[in-house]
Amino acid sequence: MRAKDIMSSPVYTVTQTATVESAAQLITTKAVTALPVVDEGGRLVGMVSESDLLWHRVPSDPTAHMRGVPDADPADRPGMVVEVMSPYTVTTRPDVDVAEVAGQMLEYDVRSMPVLEDGAVVGIISRRDILRAMVRGDDVLAAEVQHRLDEYSGGHRWTAVVEGGVARVSGEFDDDTEQGIVAVLARTVPGVAAVDVAATAPDTRQGIH
């Protein structure tokens, strides 16, 4: 499964000169957790999330006014998206495996990742999208594992079944290295919890004449 298979497209974006309030309204009305930020030419320049927008809108100490501490001057609050966005954006491409996308999200602790193609934002993937893809039935998982194995071998050399999230692959292997590669391929399918690879002996029976 690739990024393009689960990404949301078209993407709701916001310009870096948009107001914080307009970005917050877009996030709320479209029920998304973050927005790619683009410049006038549509080039990705950052990401802005719910927490970014709330950071300077929610008092750090809600009880301060009860102790006679004056509230922050509203004029000091950032007004444009460029002032609150995260400029260092982790991105991916449409053909990247979902397992790799998930690994990047965990490594960089991001909740949404823009999908770029030729420099343009063509989609976005959230952790929820990946979770939805992973919570799939055994039949769907088995079909995905089988597809990857057939694609790798150029035919149907091995048979994959999945029970309770555990993929079992059987068939003949040229050597231990090939067996290991097959195990890795099966394990990269989102939703597969474990892999059991069993080599079967080649059929050496002679035909009857």
C-alpha atoms as a PDB file:
ATOM      1  CA  MET A   1       0.000   0.000   0.000  1.00  0.00           C
ATOM      2  CA  ARG A   2       1.351   3.376  -1.044  1.00  0.00           C
ATOM      3  CA  ALA A   3       0.845   6.898   0.257  1.00  0.00           C
ATOM      4  CA  LYS A   4      -1.346   7.714  -2.734  1.00  0.00           C
ATOM      5  CA  ASP A   5      -3.748   4.931  -1.715  1.00  0.00           C
ATOM      6  CA  ILE A   6      -4.695   6.513   1.618  1.00  0.00           C
ATOM      7  CA  MET A   7      -3.915  10.222   1.266  1.00  0.00           C
ATOM      8  CA  SER A   8      -6.645  12.861   1.289  1.00  0.00           C
ATOM      9  CA  SER A   9      -6.877  14.815  -1.954  1.00  0.00           C
ATOM     10  CA  PRO A  10      -7.474  17.579  -2.921  1.00  0.00           C
ATOM     11  CA  VAL A  11      -5.775  19.283   0.017  1.00  0.00           C
ATOM     12  CA  TYR A  12      -7.010  22.238   2.006  1.00  0.00           C
ATOM     13  CA  THR A  13      -4.135  24.702   2.202  1.00  0.00           C
ATOM     14  CA  VAL A  14      -3.617  28.154   3.656  1.00  0.00           C
ATOM     15  CA  THR A  15      -1.266  30.933   2.595  1.00  0.00           C
ATOM     16  CA  GLN A  16       1.440  32.184   4.912  1.00  0.00           C
ATOM     17  CA  THR A  17      -0.145  35.656   4.924  1.00  0.00           C
ATOM     18  CA  ALA A  18      -3.590  34.396   5.958  1.00  0.00           C
ATOM     19  CA  THR A  19      -4.888  35.404   9.364  1.00  0.00           C
ATOM     20  CA  VAL A  20      -4.715  33.022  12.291  1.00  0.00           C
ATOM     21  CA  GLU A  21      -8.495  33.300  12.643  1.00  0.00           C
ATOM     22  CA  SER A  22      -9.155  32.275   9.027  1.00  0.00           C
ATOM     23  CA  ALA A  23      -6.840  29.286   9.357  1.00  0.00           C
ATOM     24  CA  ALA A  24      -8.576  28.235  12.567  1.00  0.00           C
ATOM     25  CA  GLN A  25     -11.957  28.498  10.868  1.00  0.00           C
ATOM     26  CA  LEU A  26     -10.763  26.351   7.955  1.00  0.00           C
ATOM     27  CA  ILE A  27      -9.423  23.671  10.290  1.00  0.00           C
ATOM     28  CA  THR A  28     -12.707  23.663  12.201  1.00  0.00           C
ATOM     29  CA  THR A  29     -15.066  23.596   9.221  1.00  0.00           C
ATOM     30  CA  LYS A  30     -13.079  20.969   7.295  1.00  0.00           C
ATOM     31  CA  ALA A  31     -12.439  18.808  10.407  1.00  0.00           C
ATOM     32  CA  VAL A  32      -8.689  18.489   9.817  1.00  0.00           C
ATOM     33  CA  THR A  33      -5.867  18.697  12.355  1.00  0.00           C
ATOM     34  CA  ALA A  34      -3.334  20.631  10.281  1.00  0.00           C
ATOM     35  CA  LEU A  35      -2.975  22.601   7.066  1.00  0.00           C
ATOM     36  CA  PRO A  36      -0.069  22.842   4.608  1.00  0.00           C
ATOM     37  CA  VAL A  37       1.092  26.451   4.307  1.00  0.00           C
ATOM     38  CA  VAL A  38       1.965  27.643   0.800  1.00  0.00           C
ATOM     39  CA  ASP A  39       3.408  30.815  -0.673  1.00  0.00           C
ATOM     40  CA  GLU A  40       1.899  32.856  -3.505  1.00  0.00           C
ATOM     41  CA  GLY A  41       3.235  30.380  -6.050  1.00  0.00           C
ATOM     42  CA  GLY A  42       1.723  27.373  -4.301  1.00  0.00           C
ATOM     43  CA  ARG A  43       5.064  26.123  -2.977  1.00  0.00           C
ATOM     44  CA  LEU A  44       5.006  24.411   0.418  1.00  0.00           C
ATOM     45  CA  VAL A  45       6.661  26.552   3.088  1.00  0.00           C
ATOM     46  CA  GLY A  46       5.372  25.012   6.321  1.00  0.00           C
ATOM     47  CA  MET A  47       2.579  23.395   8.304  1.00  0.00           C
ATOM     48  CA  VAL A  48       0.181  24.916  10.803  1.00  0.00           C
ATOM     49  CA  SER A  49      -1.695  22.772  13.305  1.00  0.00           C
ATOM     50  CA  GLU A  50      -4.463  23.263  15.827  1.00  0.00           C
ATOM     51  CA  SER A  51      -1.913  23.598  18.612  1.00  0.00           C
ATOM     52  CA  ASP A  52       0.069  26.213  16.643  1.00  0.00           C
ATOM     53  CA  LEU A  53      -3.053  28.329  16.256  1.00  0.00           C
ATOM     54  CA  LEU A  54      -4.041  27.985  19.905  1.00  0.00           C
ATOM     55  CA  TRP A  55      -0.594  28.631  21.333  1.00  0.00           C
ATOM     56  CA  HIS A  56      -0.965  32.427  21.532  1.00  0.00           C
ATOM     57  CA  ARG A  57      -4.731  32.486  21.927  1.00  0.00           C
ATOM     58  CA  VAL A  58      -5.055  30.529  25.185  1.00  0.00           C
ATOM     59  CA  PRO A  59      -3.603  32.116  28.365  1.00  0.00           C
ATOM     60  CA  SER A  60      -0.649  30.175  29.765  1.00  0.00           C
ATOM     61  CA  ASP A  61      -2.103  30.773  33.249  1.00  0.00           C
ATOM     62  CA  PRO A  62      -5.933  31.024  33.123  1.00  0.00           C
ATOM     63  CA  THR A  63      -6.046  32.045  36.817  1.00  0.00           C
ATOM     64  CA  ALA A  64      -3.614  34.962  36.460  1.00  0.00           C
ATOM     65  CA  HIS A  65      -6.393  37.555  36.316  1.00  0.00           C
ATOM     66  CA  MET A  66      -7.718  36.274  39.649  1.00  0.00           C
ATOM     67  CA  ARG A  67      -4.413  37.277  41.238  1.00  0.00           C
ATOM     68  CA  GLY A  68      -4.466  40.721  39.708  1.00  0.00           C
ATOM     69  CA  VAL A  69      -2.079  39.872  36.883  1.00  0.00           C
ATOM     70  CA  PRO A  70      -3.205  41.710  33.725  1.00  0.00           C
ATOM     71  CA  ASP A  71      -3.983  39.715  30.581  1.00  0.00           C
ATOM     72  CA  ALA A  72      -1.565  39.869  27.683  1.00  0.00           C
ATOM     73  CA  ASP A  73      -2.142  42.705  25.268  1.00  0.00           C
ATOM     74  CA  PRO A  74      -4.096  41.332  22.255  1.00  0.00           C
ATOM     75  CA  ALA A  75      -1.948  43.551  20.057  1.00  0.00           C
ATOM     76  CA  ASP A  76       1.055  41.411  20.955  1.00  0.00           C
ATOM     77  CA  ARG A  77      -0.545  38.227  19.643  1.00  0.00           C
ATOM     78  CA  PRO A  78       0.554  36.902  16.229  1.00  0.00           C
ATOM     79  CA  GLY A  79      -1.936  37.747  13.517  1.00  0.00           C
ATOM     80  CA  MET A  80      -0.659  35.836  10.476  1.00  0.00           C
ATOM     81  CA  VAL A  81      -0.092  32.148   9.858  1.00  0.00           C
ATOM     82  CA  VAL A  82       3.592  32.703   9.027  1.00  0.00           C
ATOM     83  CA  GLU A  83       4.133  33.811  12.626  1.00  0.00           C
ATOM     84  CA  VAL A  84       2.887  30.570  14.181  1.00  0.00           C
ATOM     85  CA  MET A  85       3.511  27.864  11.554  1.00  0.00           C
ATOM     86  CA  SER A  86       6.207  25.202  11.672  1.00  0.00           C
ATOM     87  CA  PRO A  87       8.629  25.943   8.807  1.00  0.00           C
ATOM     88  CA  TYR A  88      10.412  22.584   8.946  1.00  0.00           C
ATOM     89  CA  THR A  89       8.006  20.230   7.210  1.00  0.00           C
ATOM     90  CA  VAL A  90       8.389  16.473   6.865  1.00  0.00           C
ATOM     91  CA  THR A  91       7.018  15.379   3.494  1.00  0.00           C
ATOM     92  CA  THR A  92       6.560  12.214   1.481  1.00  0.00           C
ATOM     93  CA  ARG A  93       5.799  11.157  -2.102  1.00  0.00           C
ATOM     94  CA  PRO A  94       2.768   9.358  -3.585  1.00  0.00           C
ATOM     95  CA  ASP A  95       4.686   6.123  -4.278  1.00  0.00           C
ATOM     96  CA  VAL A  96       6.215   5.746  -0.795  1.00  0.00           C
ATOM     97  CA  ASP A  97       5.111   2.708   1.215  1.00  0.00           C
ATOM     98  CA  VAL A  98       2.659   3.479   4.009  1.00  0.00           C
ATOM     99  CA  ALA A  99       4.887   1.644   6.494  1.00  0.00           C
ATOM    100  CA  GLU A 100       7.694   4.096   5.713  1.00  0.00           C
ATOM    101  CA  VAL A 101       5.316   7.038   6.093  1.00  0.00           C
ATOM    102  CA  ALA A 102       4.221   5.753   9.508  1.00  0.00           C
ATOM    103  CA  GLY A 103       7.847   5.350  10.552  1.00  0.00           C
ATOM    104  CA  GLN A 104       8.626   8.948   9.569  1.00  0.00           C
ATOM    105  CA  MET A 105       5.625  10.254  11.497  1.00  0.00           C
ATOM    106  CA  LEU A 106       6.762   8.480  14.632  1.00  0.00           C
ATOM    107  CA  GLU A 107      10.405   9.452  14.179  1.00  0.00           C
ATOM    108  CA  TYR A 108       9.655  13.156  13.723  1.00  0.00           C
ATOM    109  CA  ASP A 109       6.573  13.198  15.989  1.00  0.00           C
ATOM    110  CA  VAL A 110       4.222  14.707  13.420  1.00  0.00           C
ATOM    111  CA  ARG A 111       0.509  14.033  13.075  1.00  0.00           C
ATOM    112  CA  SER A 112       0.085  15.004   9.422  1.00  0.00           C
ATOM    113  CA  MET A 113       2.399  14.767   6.436  1.00  0.00           C
ATOM    114  CA  PRO A 114       1.981  16.531   3.064  1.00  0.00           C
ATOM    115  CA  VAL A 115       2.420  14.435  -0.068  1.00  0.00           C
ATOM    116  CA  LEU A 116       4.457  16.194  -2.770  1.00  0.00           C
ATOM    117  CA  GLU A 117       4.791  15.455  -6.467  1.00  0.00           C
ATOM    118  CA  ASP A 118       7.063  17.639  -8.596  1.00  0.00           C
ATOM    119  CA  GLY A 119       7.124  20.156  -5.747  1.00  0.00           C
ATOM    120  CA  ALA A 120       3.335  20.525  -5.588  1.00  0.00           C
ATOM    121  CA  VAL A 121       1.133  19.445  -2.685  1.00  0.00           C
ATOM    122  CA  VAL A 122      -1.074  16.657  -4.085  1.00  0.00           C
ATOM    123  CA  GLY A 123      -2.315  15.121  -0.845  1.00  0.00           C
ATOM    124  CA  ILE A 124      -1.952  14.845   2.908  1.00  0.00           C
ATOM    125  CA  ILE A 125      -1.780  11.855   5.248  1.00  0.00           C
ATOM    126  CA  SER A 126      -2.710  11.880   8.926  1.00  0.00           C
ATOM    127  CA  ARG A 127      -2.093   9.315  11.629  1.00  0.00           C
ATOM    128  CA  ARG A 128      -5.810   8.597  11.500  1.00  0.00           C
ATOM    129  CA  ASP A 129      -5.518   7.683   7.810  1.00  0.00           C
ATOM    130  CA  ILE A 130      -2.755   5.194   8.603  1.00  0.00           C
ATOM    131  CA  LEU A 131      -4.651   3.743  11.551  1.00  0.00           C
ATOM    132  CA  ARG A 132      -7.725   3.290   9.363  1.00  0.00           C
ATOM    133  CA  ALA A 133      -5.608   1.456   6.781  1.00  0.00           C
ATOM    134  CA  MET A 134      -4.078  -0.821   9.409  1.00  0.00           C
ATOM    135  CA  VAL A 135      -7.355  -1.887  11.006  1.00  0.00           C
ATOM    136  CA  ARG A 136      -8.318  -4.270   8.232  1.00  0.00           C
ATOM    137  CA  GLY A 137      -9.619  -7.818   8.048  1.00  0.00           C
ATOM    138  CA  ASP A 138      -7.449 -10.886   7.508  1.00  0.00           C
ATOM    139  CA  ASP A 139      -8.768 -11.373   3.967  1.00  0.00           C
ATOM    140  CA  VAL A 140      -7.724  -7.873   2.956  1.00  0.00           C
ATOM    141  CA  LEU A 141      -4.304  -8.310   4.562  1.00  0.00           C
ATOM    142  CA  ALA A 142      -3.775 -11.666   2.848  1.00  0.00           C
ATOM    143  CA  ALA A 143      -4.622 -10.149  -0.533  1.00  0.00           C
ATOM    144  CA  GLU A 144      -2.145  -7.304   0.041  1.00  0.00           C
ATOM    145  CA  VAL A 145       0.636  -9.682   1.133  1.00  0.00           C
ATOM    146  CA  GLN A 146      -0.040 -11.956  -1.838  1.00  0.00           C
ATOM    147  CA  HIS A 147       0.051  -8.999  -4.223  1.00  0.00           C
ATOM    148  CA  ARG A 148       3.449  -7.865  -2.931  1.00  0.00           C
ATOM    149  CA  LEU A 149       4.901 -11.360  -3.144  1.00  0.00           C
ATOM    150  CA  ASP A 150       3.575 -11.913  -6.675  1.00  0.00           C
ATOM    151  CA  GLU A 151       4.885  -8.509  -7.735  1.00  0.00           C
ATOM    152  CA  TYR A 152       8.324  -9.298  -6.329  1.00  0.00           C
ATOM    153  CA  SER A 153       8.578 -12.771  -7.876  1.00  0.00           C
ATOM    154  CA  GLY A 154       6.914 -11.926 -11.166  1.00  0.00           C
ATOM    155  CA  GLY A 155       4.428 -14.740 -10.670  1.00  0.00           C
ATOM    156  CA  HIS A 156       2.766 -16.902  -8.044  1.00  0.00           C
ATOM    157  CA  ARG A 157       5.625 -18.685  -6.276  1.00  0.00           C
ATOM    158  CA  TRP A 158       4.361 -18.457  -2.703  1.00  0.00           C
ATOM    159  CA  THR A 159       0.994 -18.607  -0.974  1.00  0.00           C
ATOM    160  CA  ALA A 160       0.024 -16.190   1.790  1.00  0.00           C
ATOM    161  CA  VAL A 161      -2.747 -16.591   4.351  1.00  0.00           C
ATOM    162  CA  VAL A 162      -3.472 -14.350   7.340  1.00  0.00           C
ATOM    163  CA  GLU A 163      -5.120 -15.401  10.581  1.00  0.00           C
ATOM    164  CA  GLY A 164      -5.509 -13.009  13.480  1.00  0.00           C
ATOM    165  CA  GLY A 165      -3.123 -10.559  11.848  1.00  0.00           C
ATOM    166  CA  VAL A 166      -0.370 -13.200  11.518  1.00  0.00           C
ATOM    167  CA  ALA A 167       0.774 -13.766   7.934  1.00  0.00           C
ATOM    168  CA  ARG A 168       1.876 -17.281   6.998  1.00  0.00           C
ATOM    169  CA  VAL A 169       3.771 -17.673   3.745  1.00  0.00           C
ATOM    170  CA  SER A 170       4.533 -21.079   2.278  1.00  0.00           C
ATOM    171  CA  GLY A 171       6.368 -22.247  -0.830  1.00  0.00           C
ATOM    172  CA  GLU A 172       9.811 -23.029  -2.188  1.00  0.00           C
ATOM    173  CA  PHE A 173      12.754 -20.653  -1.681  1.00  0.00           C
ATOM    174  CA  ASP A 174      16.098 -20.535  -3.464  1.00  0.00           C
ATOM    175  CA  ASP A 175      17.956 -19.857  -0.230  1.00  0.00           C
ATOM    176  CA  ASP A 176      17.698 -18.326   3.247  1.00  0.00           C
ATOM    177  CA  THR A 177      18.256 -14.843   1.836  1.00  0.00           C
ATOM    178  CA  GLU A 178      15.213 -15.079  -0.397  1.00  0.00           C
ATOM    179  CA  GLN A 179      13.187 -16.443   2.507  1.00  0.00           C
ATOM    180  CA  GLY A 180      14.244 -13.449   4.582  1.00  0.00           C
ATOM    181  CA  ILE A 181      13.262 -11.006   1.833  1.00  0.00           C
ATOM    182  CA  VAL A 182       9.806 -12.571   1.614  1.00  0.00           C
ATOM    183  CA  ALA A 183       9.376 -12.216   5.373  1.00  0.00           C
ATOM    184  CA  VAL A 184      10.308  -8.530   5.204  1.00  0.00           C
ATOM    185  CA  LEU A 185       7.904  -7.912   2.312  1.00  0.00           C
ATOM    186  CA  ALA A 186       5.029  -9.481   4.214  1.00  0.00           C
ATOM    187  CA  ARG A 187       5.873  -7.577   7.389  1.00  0.00           C
ATOM    188  CA  THR A 188       5.696  -4.201   5.612  1.00  0.00           C
ATOM    189  CA  VAL A 189       1.972  -4.588   4.945  1.00  0.00           C
ATOM    190  CA  PRO A 190       0.150  -2.274   7.391  1.00  0.00           C
ATOM    191  CA  GLY A 191      -1.892  -4.370   9.798  1.00  0.00           C
ATOM    192  CA  VAL A 192       0.300  -7.480   9.722  1.00  0.00           C
ATOM    193  CA  ALA A 193       1.350  -8.168  13.314  1.00  0.00           C
ATOM    194  CA  ALA A 194       3.777 -11.045  12.656  1.00  0.00           C
ATOM    195  CA  VAL A 195       5.081 -13.230   9.833  1.00  0.00           C
ATOM    196  CA  ASP A 196       5.708 -16.963   9.696  1.00  0.00           C
ATOM    197  CA  VAL A 197       7.559 -18.227   6.608  1.00  0.00           C
ATOM    198  CA  ALA A 198       7.589 -21.969   5.979  1.00  0.00           C
ATOM    199  CA  ALA A 199       9.642 -23.525   3.200  1.00  0.00           C
ATOM    200  CA  THR A 200       8.124 -26.563   1.501  1.00  0.00           C
ATOM    201  CA  ALA A 201      10.202 -29.255  -0.125  1.00  0.00           C
ATOM    202  CA  PRO A 202      10.190 -29.288  -3.943  1.00  0.00           C
ATOM    203  CA  ASP A 203       8.028 -31.901  -5.624  1.00  0.00           C
ATOM    204  CA  THR A 204      10.495 -34.491  -7.001  1.00  0.00           C
ATOM    205  CA  ARG A 205       7.943 -37.074  -8.031  1.00  0.00           C
ATOM    206  CA  GLN A 206       8.414 -38.430 -11.537  1.00  0.00           C
ATOM    207  CA  GLY A 207       5.518 -38.730 -13.942  1.00  0.00           C
ATOM    208  CA  ILE A 208       4.144 -42.186 -14.697  1.00  0.00           C
ATOM    209  CA  HIS A 209       4.750 -43.405 -18.260  1.00  0.00           C
END
